[in-house]
Amino acid sequence: MYDNNNIFAKIIAGKIPCKKIYEDEHVLFFEDINPVSKIHILGIPKLKCVNFSDFVANNNEKTISNFFKKINMVIESLGIKESGYRVISNSGIDGGQEVPHFHVHILGGEKIGSKIR
């Protein structure tokens, strides 16, 4: 069940500020407040979806494709496409998900090595 009071829902609603990297009517990308690498961006769809499985199961192909294409666009705009990056999505308690809203972490700007988030 989706929690309308989670921090990402509040960020989407403009109740909590963030350092935006990219935003349109469907997605929001912003800097993580506790980065684990030189570049650490969070990407969220502006939809009520708890995790990856929820996002994929309850949205059409166009919505899903658009989100992942925007991830690629942000990676290109950050200038890390050639040097390398990591895209992570944690799901559920065992997967390390801290916020119950589907999101991805984009890590880059340095050698990531064994950093896992």
N, C-alpha and C. Protein backbone atom coordinates (compact mmCIF):
# COMPACT_ATOMS: atom_id res chain seq x y z
N MET A 1 0.85 -1.18 0.00
CA MET A 1 0.00 0.00 0.00
C MET A 1 0.90 1.25 0.00
N TYR A 2 0.55 2.20 -0.82
CA TYR A 2 1.34 3.43 -0.96
C TYR A 2 1.09 4.37 0.21
N ASP A 3 2.18 4.93 0.75
CA ASP A 3 2.11 5.89 1.84
C ASP A 3 2.22 7.30 1.26
N ASN A 4 1.11 8.05 1.28
CA ASN A 4 1.09 9.41 0.73
C ASN A 4 1.95 10.39 1.51
N ASN A 5 2.44 9.98 2.67
CA ASN A 5 3.28 10.86 3.50
C ASN A 5 4.75 10.52 3.42
N ASN A 6 5.16 9.66 2.49
CA ASN A 6 6.59 9.36 2.39
C ASN A 6 7.33 10.59 1.88
N ILE A 7 8.61 10.64 2.13
CA ILE A 7 9.40 11.84 1.81
C ILE A 7 9.38 12.17 0.32
N PHE A 8 9.36 11.16 -0.56
CA PHE A 8 9.35 11.45 -1.99
C PHE A 8 8.02 12.03 -2.44
N ALA A 9 6.93 11.55 -1.85
CA ALA A 9 5.62 12.14 -2.15
C ALA A 9 5.60 13.61 -1.74
N LYS A 10 6.23 13.92 -0.61
CA LYS A 10 6.29 15.30 -0.15
C LYS A 10 7.19 16.15 -1.05
N ILE A 11 8.27 15.56 -1.56
CA ILE A 11 9.14 16.29 -2.48
C ILE A 11 8.39 16.58 -3.78
N ILE A 12 7.69 15.58 -4.32
CA ILE A 12 6.91 15.77 -5.55
C ILE A 12 5.87 16.87 -5.35
N ALA A 13 5.24 16.91 -4.18
CA ALA A 13 4.20 17.90 -3.88
C ALA A 13 4.78 19.28 -3.58
N GLY A 14 6.09 19.39 -3.49
CA GLY A 14 6.72 20.68 -3.20
C GLY A 14 6.73 21.03 -1.73
N LYS A 15 6.42 20.09 -0.86
CA LYS A 15 6.40 20.34 0.58
C LYS A 15 7.79 20.25 1.19
N ILE A 16 8.70 19.56 0.52
CA ILE A 16 10.09 19.44 0.96
C ILE A 16 10.95 19.84 -0.24
N PRO A 17 11.90 20.74 -0.04
CA PRO A 17 12.75 21.17 -1.17
C PRO A 17 13.79 20.11 -1.53
N CYS A 18 14.28 20.19 -2.75
CA CYS A 18 15.36 19.33 -3.21
C CYS A 18 16.18 20.10 -4.24
N LYS A 19 17.39 19.60 -4.50
CA LYS A 19 18.23 20.18 -5.54
C LYS A 19 17.96 19.43 -6.83
N LYS A 20 17.07 20.01 -7.64
CA LYS A 20 16.60 19.35 -8.86
C LYS A 20 17.69 19.33 -9.94
N ILE A 21 17.76 18.17 -10.59
CA ILE A 21 18.64 17.99 -11.74
C ILE A 21 17.81 18.05 -13.02
N TYR A 22 16.64 17.41 -12.97
CA TYR A 22 15.72 17.41 -14.11
C TYR A 22 14.31 17.14 -13.59
N GLU A 23 13.34 17.82 -14.20
CA GLU A 23 11.95 17.57 -13.86
C GLU A 23 11.07 17.83 -15.06
N ASP A 24 10.07 16.99 -15.23
CA ASP A 24 9.00 17.24 -16.18
C ASP A 24 7.70 16.78 -15.52
N GLU A 25 6.65 16.68 -16.29
CA GLU A 25 5.36 16.34 -15.68
C GLU A 25 5.28 14.90 -15.19
N HIS A 26 6.24 14.04 -15.59
CA HIS A 26 6.19 12.62 -15.24
C HIS A 26 7.28 12.15 -14.28
N VAL A 27 8.41 12.84 -14.25
CA VAL A 27 9.57 12.37 -13.48
C VAL A 27 10.26 13.52 -12.76
N LEU A 28 11.05 13.15 -11.76
CA LEU A 28 11.86 14.12 -11.03
C LEU A 28 13.19 13.46 -10.68
N PHE A 29 14.28 14.14 -10.98
CA PHE A 29 15.62 13.70 -10.62
C PHE A 29 16.25 14.78 -9.77
N PHE A 30 16.86 14.37 -8.66
CA PHE A 30 17.44 15.34 -7.73
C PHE A 30 18.61 14.73 -6.97
N GLU A 31 19.42 15.60 -6.36
CA GLU A 31 20.60 15.15 -5.64
C GLU A 31 20.21 14.47 -4.33
N ASP A 32 20.87 13.36 -4.03
CA ASP A 32 20.66 12.65 -2.77
C ASP A 32 21.27 13.49 -1.65
N ILE A 33 20.59 13.60 -0.51
CA ILE A 33 21.10 14.41 0.60
C ILE A 33 22.21 13.70 1.37
N ASN A 34 22.36 12.39 1.16
CA ASN A 34 23.44 11.61 1.77
C ASN A 34 24.18 10.83 0.70
N PRO A 35 24.93 11.54 -0.16
CA PRO A 35 25.57 10.87 -1.30
C PRO A 35 26.63 9.85 -0.88
N VAL A 36 26.70 8.76 -1.65
CA VAL A 36 27.74 7.75 -1.42
C VAL A 36 28.80 7.78 -2.52
N SER A 37 28.65 8.71 -3.46
CA SER A 37 29.65 8.91 -4.50
C SER A 37 29.62 10.38 -4.91
N LYS A 38 30.62 10.78 -5.69
CA LYS A 38 30.72 12.17 -6.13
C LYS A 38 29.42 12.65 -6.77
N ILE A 39 28.85 11.82 -7.61
CA ILE A 39 27.53 12.09 -8.19
C ILE A 39 26.58 11.04 -7.64
N HIS A 40 25.50 11.50 -7.02
CA HIS A 40 24.48 10.58 -6.49
C HIS A 40 23.12 11.24 -6.68
N ILE A 41 22.43 10.79 -7.70
CA ILE A 41 21.14 11.36 -8.09
C ILE A 41 20.04 10.34 -7.83
N LEU A 42 18.91 10.82 -7.35
CA LEU A 42 17.73 9.97 -7.20
C LEU A 42 16.76 10.31 -8.32
N GLY A 43 16.15 9.29 -8.89
CA GLY A 43 15.15 9.48 -9.94
C GLY A 43 13.85 8.83 -9.52
N ILE A 44 12.76 9.59 -9.60
CA ILE A 44 11.46 9.05 -9.19
C ILE A 44 10.39 9.39 -10.22
N PRO A 45 9.52 8.43 -10.48
CA PRO A 45 8.34 8.75 -11.28
C PRO A 45 7.34 9.50 -10.40
N LYS A 46 6.59 10.39 -10.99
CA LYS A 46 5.59 11.15 -10.23
C LYS A 46 4.27 10.37 -10.19
N LEU A 47 4.37 9.15 -9.73
CA LEU A 47 3.24 8.23 -9.63
C LEU A 47 3.25 7.59 -8.25
N LYS A 48 2.12 7.09 -7.83
CA LYS A 48 2.04 6.37 -6.57
C LYS A 48 2.43 4.92 -6.83
N CYS A 49 3.70 4.60 -6.60
CA CYS A 49 4.19 3.24 -6.80
C CYS A 49 5.21 2.95 -5.71
N VAL A 50 5.04 1.85 -5.04
CA VAL A 50 5.84 1.51 -3.87
C VAL A 50 7.25 1.05 -4.24
N ASN A 51 7.36 0.22 -5.27
CA ASN A 51 8.66 -0.35 -5.63
C ASN A 51 8.67 -0.66 -7.12
N PHE A 52 9.77 -1.24 -7.57
CA PHE A 52 9.94 -1.56 -8.99
C PHE A 52 8.81 -2.44 -9.51
N SER A 53 8.49 -3.52 -8.78
CA SER A 53 7.45 -4.44 -9.22
C SER A 53 6.10 -3.74 -9.35
N ASP A 54 5.79 -2.89 -8.39
CA ASP A 54 4.54 -2.11 -8.42
C ASP A 54 4.52 -1.19 -9.64
N PHE A 55 5.64 -0.51 -9.88
CA PHE A 55 5.75 0.40 -11.02
C PHE A 55 5.51 -0.33 -12.34
N VAL A 56 6.17 -1.47 -12.53
CA VAL A 56 6.07 -2.22 -13.78
C VAL A 56 4.69 -2.86 -13.94
N ALA A 57 4.15 -3.41 -12.86
CA ALA A 57 2.87 -4.12 -12.93
C ALA A 57 1.68 -3.20 -13.16
N ASN A 58 1.79 -1.95 -12.72
CA ASN A 58 0.62 -1.07 -12.75
C ASN A 58 0.73 0.12 -13.69
N ASN A 59 1.67 0.07 -14.62
CA ASN A 59 1.82 1.15 -15.58
C ASN A 59 1.99 0.58 -16.98
N ASN A 60 1.65 1.38 -17.98
CA ASN A 60 1.76 0.92 -19.35
C ASN A 60 3.20 1.02 -19.86
N GLU A 61 3.45 0.39 -21.00
CA GLU A 61 4.80 0.35 -21.56
C GLU A 61 5.35 1.74 -21.84
N LYS A 62 4.51 2.66 -22.27
CA LYS A 62 4.97 4.02 -22.57
C LYS A 62 5.49 4.71 -21.31
N THR A 63 4.78 4.58 -20.21
CA THR A 63 5.19 5.20 -18.94
C THR A 63 6.50 4.59 -18.44
N ILE A 64 6.58 3.27 -18.51
CA ILE A 64 7.79 2.57 -18.05
C ILE A 64 8.98 2.96 -18.93
N SER A 65 8.79 2.90 -20.24
CA SER A 65 9.85 3.25 -21.17
C SER A 65 10.30 4.70 -20.98
N ASN A 66 9.35 5.60 -20.81
CA ASN A 66 9.68 7.01 -20.62
C ASN A 66 10.59 7.21 -19.40
N PHE A 67 10.26 6.54 -18.30
CA PHE A 67 11.07 6.70 -17.09
C PHE A 67 12.51 6.25 -17.34
N PHE A 68 12.68 5.09 -17.96
CA PHE A 68 14.03 4.59 -18.20
C PHE A 68 14.77 5.41 -19.25
N LYS A 69 14.08 5.96 -20.21
CA LYS A 69 14.73 6.85 -21.18
C LYS A 69 15.17 8.14 -20.49
N LYS A 70 14.41 8.62 -19.52
CA LYS A 70 14.80 9.82 -18.77
C LYS A 70 16.03 9.54 -17.91
N ILE A 71 16.13 8.33 -17.37
CA ILE A 71 17.34 7.96 -16.63
C ILE A 71 18.54 8.11 -17.55
N ASN A 72 18.44 7.56 -18.76
CA ASN A 72 19.53 7.65 -19.72
C ASN A 72 19.84 9.10 -20.08
N MET A 73 18.81 9.92 -20.26
CA MET A 73 19.00 11.33 -20.58
C MET A 73 19.76 12.05 -19.46
N VAL A 74 19.41 11.76 -18.21
CA VAL A 74 20.09 12.38 -17.07
C VAL A 74 21.54 11.92 -17.01
N ILE A 75 21.78 10.64 -17.24
CA ILE A 75 23.16 10.13 -17.26
C ILE A 75 23.97 10.88 -18.30
N GLU A 76 23.42 11.08 -19.48
CA GLU A 76 24.12 11.82 -20.52
C GLU A 76 24.35 13.27 -20.10
N SER A 77 23.36 13.90 -19.48
CA SER A 77 23.50 15.31 -19.08
C SER A 77 24.53 15.48 -17.96
N LEU A 78 24.73 14.45 -17.16
CA LEU A 78 25.72 14.50 -16.07
C LEU A 78 27.14 14.27 -16.59
N GLY A 79 27.26 13.84 -17.84
CA GLY A 79 28.58 13.61 -18.44
C GLY A 79 29.27 12.36 -17.94
N ILE A 80 28.50 11.36 -17.51
CA ILE A 80 29.11 10.14 -16.97
C ILE A 80 28.86 8.91 -17.86
N LYS A 81 28.27 9.12 -19.01
CA LYS A 81 27.95 8.00 -19.88
C LYS A 81 29.21 7.22 -20.29
N GLU A 82 30.25 7.93 -20.66
CA GLU A 82 31.47 7.27 -21.13
C GLU A 82 32.33 6.76 -19.99
N SER A 83 32.43 7.50 -18.90
CA SER A 83 33.31 7.09 -17.79
C SER A 83 32.71 5.98 -16.95
N GLY A 84 31.40 5.90 -16.92
CA GLY A 84 30.74 4.83 -16.19
C GLY A 84 29.88 5.31 -15.04
N TYR A 85 28.94 4.49 -14.67
CA TYR A 85 27.96 4.84 -13.63
C TYR A 85 27.31 3.56 -13.13
N ARG A 86 26.52 3.69 -12.10
CA ARG A 86 25.73 2.57 -11.58
C ARG A 86 24.31 3.05 -11.37
N VAL A 87 23.33 2.26 -11.79
CA VAL A 87 21.92 2.53 -11.56
C VAL A 87 21.42 1.43 -10.63
N ILE A 88 20.85 1.83 -9.51
CA ILE A 88 20.39 0.88 -8.49
C ILE A 88 18.95 1.18 -8.12
N SER A 89 18.18 0.13 -7.91
CA SER A 89 16.85 0.27 -7.32
C SER A 89 16.71 -0.78 -6.23
N ASN A 90 16.55 -0.33 -5.02
CA ASN A 90 16.34 -1.23 -3.89
C ASN A 90 14.84 -1.49 -3.75
N SER A 91 14.48 -2.71 -3.38
CA SER A 91 13.07 -3.05 -3.26
C SER A 91 12.82 -3.87 -2.01
N GLY A 92 11.95 -3.36 -1.15
CA GLY A 92 11.58 -4.08 0.07
C GLY A 92 12.63 -4.00 1.16
N ILE A 93 12.27 -4.49 2.30
CA ILE A 93 13.15 -4.45 3.47
C ILE A 93 14.45 -5.20 3.21
N ASP A 94 14.35 -6.42 2.69
CA ASP A 94 15.56 -7.21 2.43
C ASP A 94 16.43 -6.61 1.34
N GLY A 95 15.82 -5.83 0.45
CA GLY A 95 16.56 -5.18 -0.63
C GLY A 95 17.17 -3.85 -0.23
N GLY A 96 16.89 -3.41 1.00
CA GLY A 96 17.47 -2.16 1.49
C GLY A 96 16.69 -0.91 1.12
N GLN A 97 15.44 -1.06 0.71
CA GLN A 97 14.64 0.11 0.35
C GLN A 97 14.27 0.89 1.61
N GLU A 98 14.61 2.18 1.62
CA GLU A 98 14.35 3.02 2.78
C GLU A 98 13.10 3.88 2.62
N VAL A 99 12.76 4.25 1.39
CA VAL A 99 11.59 5.07 1.13
C VAL A 99 10.61 4.26 0.29
N PRO A 100 9.36 4.10 0.73
CA PRO A 100 8.40 3.27 0.01
C PRO A 100 7.77 3.96 -1.20
N HIS A 101 8.64 4.43 -2.09
CA HIS A 101 8.24 5.01 -3.38
C HIS A 101 9.32 4.55 -4.35
N PHE A 102 8.91 3.92 -5.46
CA PHE A 102 9.89 3.43 -6.43
C PHE A 102 10.85 4.54 -6.83
N HIS A 103 12.13 4.23 -6.78
CA HIS A 103 13.15 5.20 -7.18
C HIS A 103 14.42 4.48 -7.59
N VAL A 104 15.25 5.20 -8.32
CA VAL A 104 16.56 4.69 -8.69
C VAL A 104 17.62 5.64 -8.16
N HIS A 105 18.78 5.07 -7.90
CA HIS A 105 19.97 5.83 -7.54
C HIS A 105 20.89 5.79 -8.75
N ILE A 106 21.41 6.94 -9.16
CA ILE A 106 22.41 7.01 -10.21
C ILE A 106 23.70 7.45 -9.53
N LEU A 107 24.70 6.58 -9.56
CA LEU A 107 25.98 6.86 -8.92
C LEU A 107 27.05 7.00 -10.00
N GLY A 108 27.94 7.97 -9.84
CA GLY A 108 29.01 8.15 -10.80
C GLY A 108 29.96 9.26 -10.39
N GLY A 109 30.79 9.65 -11.35
CA GLY A 109 31.73 10.73 -11.11
C GLY A 109 33.03 10.28 -10.48
N GLU A 110 33.14 8.99 -10.18
CA GLU A 110 34.34 8.40 -9.62
C GLU A 110 34.21 6.90 -9.75
N LYS A 111 35.32 6.18 -9.47
CA LYS A 111 35.25 4.72 -9.50
C LYS A 111 34.36 4.28 -8.35
N ILE A 112 33.30 3.56 -8.67
CA ILE A 112 32.32 3.14 -7.67
C ILE A 112 32.83 1.96 -6.87
N GLY A 113 33.54 1.06 -7.50
CA GLY A 113 34.08 -0.10 -6.79
C GLY A 113 32.98 -0.95 -6.19
N SER A 114 33.16 -1.32 -4.93
CA SER A 114 32.21 -2.23 -4.29
C SER A 114 31.13 -1.51 -3.50
N LYS A 115 31.01 -0.19 -3.67
CA LYS A 115 29.94 0.54 -2.98
C LYS A 115 28.59 0.00 -3.39
N ILE A 116 27.80 -0.39 -2.44
CA ILE A 116 26.45 -0.85 -2.73
C ILE A 116 25.50 -0.07 -1.85
N ARG A 117 24.42 0.40 -2.43
CA ARG A 117 23.45 1.21 -1.68
C ARG A 117 22.08 0.64 -1.94
